[in-house]
């Protein structure tokens, strides 16, 4: 079978997309707390034959900037954050084939809870579930979850490795044929086919036996987006669907080769790790129409959006600096959140950036590196990245909802299908079927 693009929809259970200005768009729907809103988006994505929609999440408002949440509430900067697993289930009930992923932190939950939650979702959705594994990034999340500050970056990943072994161990504790439902002899399941885990690792201890049987795809798909050096090591070990974000084609291509090589070096089949690159398409029937849409959208963000999200991501109050006051070497070393974001600025030749430099070089809170065009222009970009290869597919980030996904499905998907690089219909029922991943078997992760 020829290689085909994988499509991932980037979703949030909140009042806006990942870009805070999204709610300000006049065509953005306002019923973002309703099941109908997410079910409509799910139907659009399923009509476009997307592999999966997955929900990003943080465990706090982005309220680090200026040490207060007033600006978050006033400007609607991801002010509403609902539980993504509950919202995901509303979307599941409105779709039949679309894969469904949600974010859950290894730092603030227990392995047994996460294993049970996502295996249950996988059963309820007939094998369409995925878990986006994160370690969480800032002190405000820690404060919401009973800690004073976030755990050190590399230690979070060391803990996460142990967490993964515990979760996957629980998922492997039921044989596929454990349940027999022999009513005549009163035997529900084979006792020898359900094992106790007794995991006693360096960070987590969990006994079992696990309480949820195996699902149609064996277990949920694992999504990962680690971008730092330690994060990429973690992603290469555990990730089955990797979410990457790079500003240029060349950087993406080098990263693709590096991640695939790391996967192989760890004894995994690189074809069983799909890498999806983030893109923000502004699509229309013609390039001129798309450019008009982009120009209008660029009137919606403001500096507060950017400074708030930079503070959240880098675990530092950007309000403590003047807009043109350089960060010292000590300041830069102390940025403890998403290290890849800090490194991206330094790699562009700015050793001691100012807040204004961070805003301009990261594009945080704004529509940065957008693909603007009609069907041909956007499909050309995607085909170049896919065939190089610099990725196996794309994470489609919406600028406003539901219009961004509707425009992409209407204008770009048919062009990708015409070129023979994207499916015309689903050929399987589970998320692993869609992604071209084998059904999970006992012990295949070890």
Protein backbone atom coordinates (compact mmCIF):
# COMPACT_ATOMS: atom_id res chain seq x y z
CA UNK A 1 0.00 0.00 0.00
CA UNK A 2 1.35 3.44 -0.92
CA UNK A 3 2.19 5.89 1.82
CA UNK A 4 -0.64 8.32 2.72
CA UNK A 5 -0.75 11.53 4.75
CA UNK A 6 -2.02 11.23 8.32
CA UNK A 7 -4.18 14.11 9.56
CA UNK A 8 -4.52 15.12 13.20
CA UNK A 9 -6.86 17.89 14.38
CA UNK A 10 -5.49 20.04 17.20
CA UNK A 11 -8.36 20.68 19.64
CA UNK A 12 -8.95 22.32 23.03
CA UNK A 13 -11.80 21.94 25.50
CA UNK A 14 -11.80 25.68 26.03
CA UNK A 15 -13.17 29.02 24.84
CA UNK A 16 -10.66 29.43 22.01
CA UNK A 17 -8.19 27.46 19.92
CA UNK A 18 -4.55 27.39 20.94
CA UNK A 19 -4.52 30.98 19.62
CA UNK A 20 -6.33 33.20 22.17
CA UNK A 21 -7.75 35.54 19.54
CA UNK A 22 -9.87 32.74 18.07
CA UNK A 23 -12.95 33.55 20.18
CA UNK A 24 -12.86 37.16 18.90
CA UNK A 25 -13.43 36.12 15.28
CA UNK A 26 -16.96 37.13 14.23
CA UNK A 27 -17.59 33.67 12.74
CA UNK A 28 -16.41 31.73 15.81
CA UNK A 29 -19.20 29.81 17.54
CA UNK A 30 -19.89 30.86 21.11
CA UNK A 31 -21.32 27.55 22.41
CA UNK A 32 -17.91 26.09 23.29
CA UNK A 33 -19.28 24.59 26.54
CA UNK A 34 -21.88 22.48 24.72
CA UNK A 35 -21.73 18.90 23.46
CA UNK A 36 -23.25 20.06 20.16
CA UNK A 37 -20.22 22.27 19.46
CA UNK A 38 -17.73 19.40 19.74
CA UNK A 39 -19.99 16.94 17.95
CA UNK A 40 -20.27 19.33 15.00
CA UNK A 41 -16.47 19.64 14.82
CA UNK A 42 -16.16 15.85 15.06
CA UNK A 43 -18.54 15.36 12.14
CA UNK A 44 -16.57 17.89 10.04
CA UNK A 45 -13.33 16.06 10.78
CA UNK A 46 -14.86 12.67 10.06
CA UNK A 47 -16.25 13.96 6.76
CA UNK A 48 -12.66 15.00 5.94
CA UNK A 49 -11.42 11.49 6.90
CA UNK A 50 -9.09 12.79 9.62
CA UNK A 51 -7.24 10.10 11.53
CA UNK A 52 -7.79 11.70 14.92
CA UNK A 53 -8.81 14.79 16.81
CA UNK A 54 -6.83 15.26 19.99
CA UNK A 55 -7.34 17.65 22.87
CA UNK A 56 -4.39 19.63 24.18
CA UNK A 57 -4.66 20.62 27.86
CA UNK A 58 -3.03 22.46 30.74
CA UNK A 59 -4.04 22.23 34.40
CA UNK A 60 -4.14 25.98 34.99
CA UNK A 61 -5.13 29.23 33.34
CA UNK A 62 -2.16 31.05 31.75
CA UNK A 63 -2.14 33.42 34.74
CA UNK A 64 1.56 33.78 35.47
CA UNK A 65 1.90 37.10 33.61
CA UNK A 66 1.65 40.01 36.09
CA UNK A 67 0.98 37.46 38.84
CA UNK A 68 -2.78 37.62 38.40
CA UNK A 69 -5.60 36.08 36.37
CA UNK A 70 -7.49 39.33 35.64
CA UNK A 71 -5.94 39.72 32.18
CA UNK A 72 -6.81 36.09 31.34
CA UNK A 73 -10.45 36.63 32.17
CA UNK A 74 -10.71 40.02 30.48
CA UNK A 75 -9.05 38.95 27.24
CA UNK A 76 -10.36 35.36 27.16
CA UNK A 77 -6.85 33.86 27.00
CA UNK A 78 -7.73 30.18 27.38
CA UNK A 79 -9.86 31.23 30.34
CA UNK A 80 -12.19 28.20 30.15
CA UNK A 81 -10.51 24.80 30.41
CA UNK A 82 -12.83 21.82 30.74
CA UNK A 83 -11.75 18.24 31.31
CA UNK A 84 -10.73 16.97 27.86
CA UNK A 85 -11.72 13.34 28.48
CA UNK A 86 -15.34 14.27 29.21
CA UNK A 87 -15.49 16.50 26.14
CA UNK A 88 -13.83 13.79 24.07
CA UNK A 89 -16.60 11.35 25.00
CA UNK A 90 -19.22 13.83 23.76
CA UNK A 91 -17.37 13.90 20.44
CA UNK A 92 -17.11 10.10 20.46
CA UNK A 93 -20.88 9.76 20.71
CA UNK A 94 -21.30 11.93 17.61
CA UNK A 95 -18.81 10.08 15.39
CA UNK A 96 -18.10 6.52 14.24
CA UNK A 97 -14.55 6.39 12.80
CA UNK A 98 -12.65 9.47 13.97
CA UNK A 99 -9.82 8.72 16.40
CA UNK A 100 -10.09 10.52 19.75
CA UNK A 101 -7.18 11.65 21.91
CA UNK A 102 -6.87 13.59 25.16
CA UNK A 103 -4.02 14.96 27.23
CA UNK A 104 -3.28 13.67 30.73
CA UNK A 105 -0.25 14.52 32.86
CA UNK A 106 2.11 11.92 34.31
CA UNK A 107 3.16 14.40 36.98
CA UNK A 108 -0.20 14.96 38.67
CA UNK A 109 -2.08 11.68 38.27
CA UNK A 110 -1.54 8.04 39.21
CA UNK A 111 -0.78 5.25 36.69
CA UNK A 112 -3.75 3.09 37.67
CA UNK A 113 -6.18 5.99 37.20
CA UNK A 114 -4.81 6.96 33.78
CA UNK A 115 -4.68 3.34 32.62
CA UNK A 116 -8.31 2.76 33.65
CA UNK A 117 -9.55 6.06 32.19
CA UNK A 118 -8.09 5.63 28.72
CA UNK A 119 -8.73 1.91 28.41
CA UNK A 120 -12.37 2.64 29.27
CA UNK A 121 -12.52 5.34 26.60
CA UNK A 122 -11.01 2.88 24.14
CA UNK A 123 -13.75 0.36 24.89
CA UNK A 124 -16.52 2.96 24.75
CA UNK A 125 -15.28 4.23 21.36
CA UNK A 126 -14.66 0.78 19.83
CA UNK A 127 -10.90 1.17 19.67
CA UNK A 128 -10.49 4.84 18.72
CA UNK A 129 -8.73 6.24 21.81
CA UNK A 130 -5.32 7.83 22.29
CA UNK A 131 -3.53 9.31 25.29
CA UNK A 132 -1.39 12.42 24.77
CA UNK A 133 1.35 11.96 27.37
CA UNK A 134 2.63 15.18 28.97
CA UNK A 135 4.73 15.97 32.04
CA UNK A 136 3.29 19.51 32.58
CA UNK A 137 5.34 22.68 32.41
CA UNK A 138 4.82 25.39 35.01
CA UNK A 139 4.41 26.34 38.65
CA UNK A 140 0.77 27.40 38.38
CA UNK A 141 -0.23 23.90 37.29
CA UNK A 142 1.74 22.57 40.26
CA UNK A 143 -0.10 24.91 42.65
CA UNK A 144 -3.47 23.74 41.37
CA UNK A 145 -2.42 20.14 41.97
CA UNK A 146 -1.08 20.47 45.52
CA UNK A 147 2.58 21.32 44.90
CA UNK A 148 4.47 24.58 45.35
CA UNK A 149 6.37 24.43 42.07
CA UNK A 150 6.92 22.25 39.06
CA UNK A 151 9.36 19.34 39.33
CA UNK A 152 12.69 19.77 37.51
CA UNK A 153 12.48 19.15 33.76
CA UNK A 154 14.58 15.97 33.43
CA UNK A 155 13.21 14.49 36.65
CA UNK A 156 9.69 14.86 35.25
CA UNK A 157 10.72 12.66 32.33
CA UNK A 158 12.45 10.13 34.60
CA UNK A 159 9.19 9.86 36.55
CA UNK A 160 7.27 9.61 33.28
CA UNK A 161 9.33 6.61 32.13
CA UNK A 162 8.35 4.77 35.30
CA UNK A 163 4.73 5.94 34.87
CA UNK A 164 4.63 4.49 31.34
CA UNK A 165 5.93 1.12 32.45
CA UNK A 166 3.19 0.98 35.10
CA UNK A 167 0.38 2.01 32.73
CA UNK A 168 1.44 -0.37 29.97
CA UNK A 169 1.88 -3.12 32.53
CA UNK A 170 -1.72 -2.68 33.66
CA UNK A 171 -2.94 -2.66 30.05
CA UNK A 172 -1.10 -5.95 29.49
CA UNK A 173 -2.58 -7.69 32.53
CA UNK A 174 -5.66 -8.99 30.70
CA UNK A 175 -5.39 -11.56 27.90
CA UNK A 176 -7.53 -10.80 24.90
CA UNK A 177 -9.62 -13.95 25.39
CA UNK A 178 -9.91 -13.65 29.18
CA UNK A 179 -13.70 -13.17 29.21
CA UNK A 180 -15.69 -16.32 28.39
CA UNK A 181 -19.17 -15.47 29.78
CA UNK A 182 -20.04 -19.12 30.37
CA UNK A 183 -23.41 -18.68 32.09
CA UNK A 184 -24.14 -22.40 32.14
CA UNK A 185 -21.10 -23.16 34.30
CA UNK A 186 -21.00 -19.80 36.05
CA UNK A 187 -17.58 -18.83 34.71
CA UNK A 188 -17.22 -15.18 33.79
CA UNK A 189 -13.53 -15.16 32.87
CA UNK A 190 -10.45 -17.36 33.05
CA UNK A 191 -8.63 -16.62 36.32
CA UNK A 192 -5.23 -17.34 34.80
CA UNK A 193 -5.82 -14.78 32.06
CA UNK A 194 -5.90 -11.79 34.42
CA UNK A 195 -2.65 -11.06 36.25
CA UNK A 196 -1.67 -8.76 39.10
CA UNK A 197 0.99 -6.23 38.11
CA UNK A 198 2.84 -5.57 41.40
CA UNK A 199 4.81 -2.71 39.87
CA UNK A 200 7.39 -1.30 42.29
CA UNK A 201 9.45 1.24 40.36
CA UNK A 202 11.73 4.13 41.32
CA UNK A 203 8.80 6.58 41.48
CA UNK A 204 5.53 4.64 41.36
CA UNK A 205 4.07 1.64 43.12
CA UNK A 206 0.82 0.05 41.91
CA UNK A 207 -0.46 -3.43 42.62
CA UNK A 208 -3.46 -4.35 40.49
CA UNK A 209 -5.14 -6.47 39.30
CA UNK A 210 -6.32 -4.05 36.64
CA UNK A 211 -10.09 -3.75 36.19
CA UNK A 212 -10.63 -3.05 32.47
CA UNK A 213 -10.34 -5.70 29.71
CA UNK A 214 -8.47 -5.26 26.43
CA UNK A 215 -10.06 -3.31 23.61
CA UNK A 216 -10.48 -3.71 19.86
CA UNK A 217 -7.07 -2.17 19.16
CA UNK A 218 -5.36 -3.80 22.14
CA UNK A 219 -4.69 -0.56 23.98
CA UNK A 220 -4.90 3.21 23.30
CA UNK A 221 -2.40 4.86 20.96
CA UNK A 222 0.32 6.90 22.70
CA UNK A 223 0.80 10.50 21.53
CA UNK A 224 3.89 12.46 22.53
CA UNK A 225 5.27 15.91 21.76
CA UNK A 226 8.57 16.07 23.66
CA UNK A 227 10.82 18.58 21.89
CA UNK A 228 13.75 19.09 24.27
CA UNK A 229 16.67 16.66 24.18
CA UNK A 230 15.27 14.64 27.09
CA UNK A 231 11.78 14.97 25.68
CA UNK A 232 12.84 13.56 22.32
CA UNK A 233 14.47 10.58 24.05
CA UNK A 234 11.18 9.93 25.83
CA UNK A 235 9.19 10.34 22.61
CA UNK A 236 11.45 7.95 20.69
CA UNK A 237 10.98 5.31 23.39
CA UNK A 238 7.23 5.52 23.90
CA UNK A 239 5.52 7.63 21.25
CA UNK A 240 3.42 6.08 18.49
CA UNK A 241 2.11 9.39 17.14
CA UNK A 242 4.52 12.30 17.57
CA UNK A 243 3.42 15.93 17.43
CA UNK A 244 6.24 18.21 16.18
CA UNK A 245 6.40 21.95 15.56
CA UNK A 246 9.29 23.41 13.56
CA UNK A 247 9.58 26.81 11.86
CA UNK A 248 11.32 25.59 8.67
CA UNK A 249 11.26 22.65 6.31
CA UNK A 250 14.98 21.93 6.74
CA UNK A 251 14.77 21.78 10.53
CA UNK A 252 11.74 19.50 10.28
CA UNK A 253 13.50 17.15 7.86
CA UNK A 254 16.57 16.83 10.11
CA UNK A 255 14.37 16.22 13.12
CA UNK A 256 12.37 13.57 11.25
CA UNK A 257 15.52 11.63 10.41
CA UNK A 258 16.84 12.01 13.97
CA UNK A 259 13.62 10.81 15.62
CA UNK A 260 13.27 7.82 13.31
CA UNK A 261 16.90 6.87 13.95
CA UNK A 262 16.41 7.16 17.71
CA UNK A 263 13.33 4.98 17.47
CA UNK A 264 15.28 2.30 15.57
CA UNK A 265 18.23 2.53 17.97
CA UNK A 266 15.85 1.70 20.80
CA UNK A 267 14.76 -1.49 19.06
CA UNK A 268 11.46 -0.18 17.74
CA UNK A 269 10.22 -0.26 14.14
CA UNK A 270 10.40 3.38 12.89
CA UNK A 271 7.30 2.74 10.75
CA UNK A 272 5.39 2.23 13.99
CA UNK A 273 6.08 5.83 15.03
CA UNK A 274 4.19 8.38 12.95
CA UNK A 275 5.49 11.96 13.00
CA UNK A 276 2.98 14.76 12.41
CA UNK A 277 4.11 18.36 11.85
CA UNK A 278 2.03 21.28 13.11
CA UNK A 279 0.58 23.65 10.54
CA UNK A 280 -1.97 26.47 10.63
CA UNK A 281 -3.69 26.54 7.22
CA UNK A 282 -5.76 29.52 6.15
CA UNK A 283 -7.63 27.97 3.25
CA UNK A 284 -10.09 29.35 0.72
CA UNK A 285 -11.19 28.76 -2.85
CA UNK A 286 -8.41 31.09 -4.08
CA UNK A 287 -5.14 32.42 -2.71
CA UNK A 288 -6.47 35.99 -2.81
CA UNK A 289 -9.45 35.05 -0.62
CA UNK A 290 -7.16 33.25 1.82
CA UNK A 291 -4.85 36.28 2.04
CA UNK A 292 -7.84 38.46 2.91
CA UNK A 293 -8.81 36.02 5.68
CA UNK A 294 -5.27 36.10 7.05
CA UNK A 295 -5.09 39.89 6.97
CA UNK A 296 -8.34 40.14 8.92
CA UNK A 297 -7.26 37.54 11.46
CA UNK A 298 -4.04 39.40 12.16
CA UNK A 299 -6.12 42.31 13.51
CA UNK A 300 -7.49 40.16 16.35
CA UNK A 301 -4.47 39.24 18.61
CA UNK A 302 -2.83 41.67 21.04
CA UNK A 303 0.44 41.86 22.99
CA UNK A 304 -1.22 40.63 26.18
CA UNK A 305 -2.05 37.36 24.43
CA UNK A 306 1.60 36.82 23.55
CA UNK A 307 3.08 37.84 26.90
CA UNK A 308 0.59 35.73 28.83
CA UNK A 309 1.29 32.58 26.81
CA UNK A 310 5.07 33.15 26.88
CA UNK A 311 4.89 33.44 30.67
CA UNK A 312 2.87 30.23 30.87
CA UNK A 313 5.13 28.25 28.53
CA UNK A 314 8.47 29.40 29.98
CA UNK A 315 7.38 29.49 33.65
CA UNK A 316 8.48 33.12 34.04
CA UNK A 317 6.49 36.34 34.52
CA UNK A 318 7.25 38.38 31.41
CA UNK A 319 5.66 41.33 33.20
CA UNK A 320 8.83 41.54 35.32
CA UNK A 321 10.76 42.84 32.30
CA UNK A 322 10.43 45.94 30.16
CA UNK A 323 9.50 45.14 26.55
CA UNK A 324 13.05 45.96 25.40
CA UNK A 325 14.96 44.84 28.50
CA UNK A 326 17.30 41.91 27.71
CA UNK A 327 17.15 38.67 29.64
CA UNK A 328 20.42 38.00 31.46
CA UNK A 329 22.28 34.71 31.13
CA UNK A 330 20.92 33.76 34.57
CA UNK A 331 17.38 34.63 33.45
CA UNK A 332 17.73 32.41 30.37
CA UNK A 333 19.09 29.51 32.40
CA UNK A 334 16.15 29.83 34.78
CA UNK A 335 13.44 29.46 32.11
CA UNK A 336 12.16 26.05 33.19
CA UNK A 337 9.03 25.43 31.10
CA UNK A 338 9.10 24.38 27.45
CA UNK A 339 12.86 24.42 26.94
CA UNK A 340 12.55 23.92 23.19
CA UNK A 341 10.77 27.29 22.96
CA UNK A 342 13.68 29.03 24.69
CA UNK A 343 16.19 27.16 22.55
CA UNK A 344 14.37 28.16 19.36
CA UNK A 345 14.99 31.83 20.14
CA UNK A 346 18.67 31.28 20.94
CA UNK A 347 19.13 29.21 17.77
CA UNK A 348 17.99 32.23 15.75
CA UNK A 349 21.07 34.10 16.96
CA UNK A 350 19.65 36.09 19.89
CA UNK A 351 21.60 35.18 23.02
CA UNK A 352 19.98 37.69 25.39
CA UNK A 353 16.52 38.33 23.94
CA UNK A 354 14.02 40.91 25.17
CA UNK A 355 10.32 40.17 25.68
CA UNK A 356 9.74 41.81 22.30
CA UNK A 357 12.29 39.41 20.73
CA UNK A 358 10.51 36.45 22.30
CA UNK A 359 7.19 37.68 20.92
CA UNK A 360 8.54 38.17 17.42
CA UNK A 361 10.74 35.08 17.18
CA UNK A 362 8.28 32.57 18.68
CA UNK A 363 5.01 34.04 17.41
CA UNK A 364 3.46 32.86 20.66
CA UNK A 365 -0.21 33.82 20.85
CA UNK A 366 -0.35 34.78 17.17
CA UNK A 367 -0.95 33.05 13.86
CA UNK A 368 2.69 32.25 13.13
CA UNK A 369 4.07 30.46 10.06
CA UNK A 370 0.56 30.04 8.62
CA UNK A 371 -0.03 28.31 5.30
CA UNK A 372 -2.12 30.79 3.33
CA UNK A 373 -3.62 29.82 0.02
CA UNK A 374 -6.12 28.06 -2.15
CA UNK A 375 -6.20 24.27 -2.54
CA UNK A 376 -3.09 24.13 -4.75
CA UNK A 377 -0.86 26.35 -2.61
CA UNK A 378 -1.57 24.53 0.64
CA UNK A 379 -1.45 21.05 -0.93
CA UNK A 380 1.92 21.94 -2.50
CA UNK A 381 3.37 22.71 0.95
CA UNK A 382 1.97 19.53 2.46
CA UNK A 383 3.12 17.34 -0.42
CA UNK A 384 6.67 18.75 -0.24
CA UNK A 385 6.96 18.07 3.51
CA UNK A 386 5.35 14.64 3.21
CA UNK A 387 7.35 13.33 0.25
CA UNK A 388 10.77 14.62 1.44
CA UNK A 389 9.99 13.16 4.02
CA UNK A 390 9.91 15.74 6.79
CA UNK A 391 6.82 14.15 8.37
CA UNK A 392 4.28 11.34 8.02
CA UNK A 393 1.35 13.69 8.36
CA UNK A 394 0.17 16.95 9.84
CA UNK A 395 -1.38 18.36 12.99
CA UNK A 396 -3.89 20.87 11.67
CA UNK A 397 -4.16 23.83 14.01
CA UNK A 398 -7.33 25.90 13.61
CA UNK A 399 -7.28 29.67 13.87
CA UNK A 400 -11.02 29.90 14.60
CA UNK A 401 -13.77 27.33 14.98
CA UNK A 402 -15.44 25.65 13.33
CA UNK A 403 -14.55 27.63 10.18
CA UNK A 404 -10.88 26.68 9.92
CA UNK A 405 -11.65 22.96 9.79
CA UNK A 406 -14.62 23.48 7.49
CA UNK A 407 -12.47 25.47 5.05
CA UNK A 408 -9.68 22.89 5.15
CA UNK A 409 -12.03 19.96 4.54
CA UNK A 410 -13.86 21.81 1.76
CA UNK A 411 -10.86 23.16 -0.14
CA UNK A 412 -7.70 21.21 0.70
CA UNK A 413 -8.79 17.62 1.40
CA UNK A 414 -10.19 17.05 -2.14
CA UNK A 415 -6.92 18.31 -3.65
CA UNK A 416 -4.85 15.96 -1.48
CA UNK A 417 -7.14 13.10 -2.50
CA UNK A 418 -6.83 14.05 -6.17
CA UNK A 419 -3.04 13.81 -5.85
CA UNK A 420 -3.32 10.32 -4.38
CA UNK A 421 -1.56 11.15 -1.11
CA UNK A 422 -4.58 11.08 1.19
CA UNK A 423 -7.35 8.54 1.76
CA UNK A 424 -10.76 8.87 0.15
CA UNK A 425 -12.37 6.76 2.86
CA UNK A 426 -11.55 4.91 6.05
CA UNK A 427 -10.43 1.33 5.46
CA UNK A 428 -10.59 0.19 9.09
CA UNK A 429 -12.46 0.87 12.29
CA UNK A 430 -9.79 1.52 14.93
CA UNK A 431 -7.32 4.36 15.31
CA UNK A 432 -4.46 1.92 14.80
CA UNK A 433 -6.06 0.93 11.50
CA UNK A 434 -6.17 4.57 10.41
CA UNK A 435 -2.55 5.26 11.38
CA UNK A 436 -1.19 2.06 9.86
CA UNK A 437 -0.09 0.76 13.27
CA UNK A 438 -0.41 -2.93 14.15
CA UNK A 439 -2.87 -4.03 16.78
CA UNK A 440 -1.15 -3.90 20.17
CA UNK A 441 -0.10 -7.27 21.58
CA UNK A 442 1.04 -8.26 25.08
CA UNK A 443 4.58 -7.15 25.80
CA UNK A 444 5.22 -5.49 22.44
CA UNK A 445 6.37 -2.30 24.18
CA UNK A 446 9.15 -3.91 26.19
